[in-house]
Amino acid sequence: MISLKLRQEGRLVNYKRVERLYCEQQLQVRRRTRKRCR
C-alpha cells in the first residue's frame, strides 16, 4: 500500500488521506483489507 511505502520513507501520511487524493485524481487505489477471525 502506498501509505506504508511513504511511511517507510519517513513521511507521516494517513491512509484515508491517500485514498481521498487518489479518488480526487480518479486513480485506482488498492483498498485496505482486514483479516477476519473465525
N, C-alpha and C. Protein backbone atom coordinates (compact mmCIF):
# COMPACT_ATOMS: atom_id res chain seq x y z
N MET A 1 0.83 -1.17 0.00
CA MET A 1 0.00 0.00 0.00
C MET A 1 0.88 1.25 0.00
N ILE A 2 0.40 2.26 -0.63
CA ILE A 2 1.21 3.47 -0.81
C ILE A 2 1.51 4.16 0.50
N SER A 3 0.53 4.20 1.42
CA SER A 3 0.78 4.88 2.69
C SER A 3 1.89 4.19 3.47
N LEU A 4 2.01 2.87 3.34
CA LEU A 4 3.10 2.16 4.01
C LEU A 4 4.45 2.50 3.39
N LYS A 5 4.48 2.61 2.06
CA LYS A 5 5.72 2.99 1.38
C LYS A 5 6.18 4.38 1.81
N LEU A 6 5.23 5.31 1.89
CA LEU A 6 5.57 6.67 2.30
C LEU A 6 6.06 6.69 3.74
N ARG A 7 5.44 5.87 4.58
CA ARG A 7 5.86 5.81 5.99
C ARG A 7 7.28 5.25 6.10
N GLN A 8 7.63 4.29 5.24
CA GLN A 8 8.97 3.73 5.26
C GLN A 8 10.00 4.78 4.85
N GLU A 9 9.58 5.72 4.01
CA GLU A 9 10.47 6.81 3.60
C GLU A 9 10.59 7.89 4.66
N GLY A 10 9.82 7.76 5.73
CA GLY A 10 9.90 8.73 6.81
C GLY A 10 8.84 9.81 6.77
N ARG A 11 7.82 9.63 5.96
CA ARG A 11 6.75 10.62 5.85
C ARG A 11 5.53 10.12 6.61
N LEU A 12 4.93 10.99 7.40
CA LEU A 12 3.71 10.64 8.12
C LEU A 12 2.51 10.94 7.24
N VAL A 13 1.81 9.89 6.81
CA VAL A 13 0.67 10.05 5.93
C VAL A 13 -0.45 9.14 6.41
N ASN A 14 -1.65 9.69 6.51
CA ASN A 14 -2.82 8.92 6.88
C ASN A 14 -3.32 8.18 5.64
N TYR A 15 -3.67 6.90 5.79
CA TYR A 15 -4.10 6.12 4.63
C TYR A 15 -5.41 6.65 4.07
N LYS A 16 -6.26 7.24 4.93
CA LYS A 16 -7.52 7.81 4.44
C LYS A 16 -7.25 9.01 3.53
N ARG A 17 -6.24 9.79 3.88
CA ARG A 17 -5.87 10.94 3.05
C ARG A 17 -5.37 10.47 1.69
N VAL A 18 -4.58 9.41 1.68
CA VAL A 18 -4.07 8.87 0.41
C VAL A 18 -5.23 8.39 -0.45
N GLU A 19 -6.19 7.69 0.14
CA GLU A 19 -7.35 7.22 -0.62
C GLU A 19 -8.15 8.38 -1.17
N ARG A 20 -8.31 9.45 -0.39
CA ARG A 20 -9.06 10.62 -0.84
C ARG A 20 -8.35 11.30 -2.02
N LEU A 21 -7.02 11.43 -1.93
CA LEU A 21 -6.26 12.05 -3.02
C LEU A 21 -6.35 11.21 -4.29
N TYR A 22 -6.30 9.90 -4.14
CA TYR A 22 -6.44 9.03 -5.31
C TYR A 22 -7.81 9.19 -5.95
N CYS A 23 -8.84 9.32 -5.11
CA CYS A 23 -10.20 9.50 -5.61
C CYS A 23 -10.32 10.82 -6.37
N GLU A 24 -9.72 11.88 -5.83
CA GLU A 24 -9.76 13.18 -6.50
C GLU A 24 -9.06 13.14 -7.85
N GLN A 25 -8.00 12.37 -7.96
CA GLN A 25 -7.25 12.26 -9.21
C GLN A 25 -7.80 11.17 -10.12
N GLN A 26 -8.86 10.49 -9.67
CA GLN A 26 -9.52 9.40 -10.41
C GLN A 26 -8.55 8.28 -10.74
N LEU A 27 -7.75 7.90 -9.76
CA LEU A 27 -6.82 6.79 -9.91
C LEU A 27 -7.34 5.58 -9.16
N GLN A 28 -6.89 4.42 -9.55
CA GLN A 28 -7.27 3.19 -8.87
C GLN A 28 -6.37 3.02 -7.66
N VAL A 29 -6.96 2.75 -6.51
CA VAL A 29 -6.18 2.51 -5.30
C VAL A 29 -6.61 1.18 -4.71
N ARG A 30 -5.64 0.42 -4.27
CA ARG A 30 -5.96 -0.85 -3.63
C ARG A 30 -6.48 -0.56 -2.24
N ARG A 31 -7.64 -1.09 -1.94
CA ARG A 31 -8.26 -0.86 -0.64
C ARG A 31 -7.60 -1.71 0.42
N ARG A 32 -7.60 -1.20 1.62
CA ARG A 32 -7.06 -1.93 2.76
C ARG A 32 -8.00 -3.08 3.09
N THR A 33 -7.45 -4.27 3.22
CA THR A 33 -8.27 -5.44 3.56
C THR A 33 -8.01 -5.82 5.01
N ARG A 34 -9.07 -6.20 5.69
CA ARG A 34 -8.93 -6.58 7.09
C ARG A 34 -8.93 -8.09 7.21
N LYS A 35 -8.15 -8.58 8.14
CA LYS A 35 -8.12 -10.01 8.39
C LYS A 35 -9.31 -10.37 9.27
N ARG A 36 -9.96 -11.47 8.94
CA ARG A 36 -11.14 -11.89 9.69
C ARG A 36 -10.81 -13.08 10.56
N CYS A 37 -11.25 -13.01 11.78
CA CYS A 37 -11.07 -14.12 12.71
C CYS A 37 -12.31 -15.00 12.67
N ARG A 38 -12.11 -16.26 12.73
CA ARG A 38 -13.26 -17.18 12.73
C ARG A 38 -13.23 -18.04 13.95
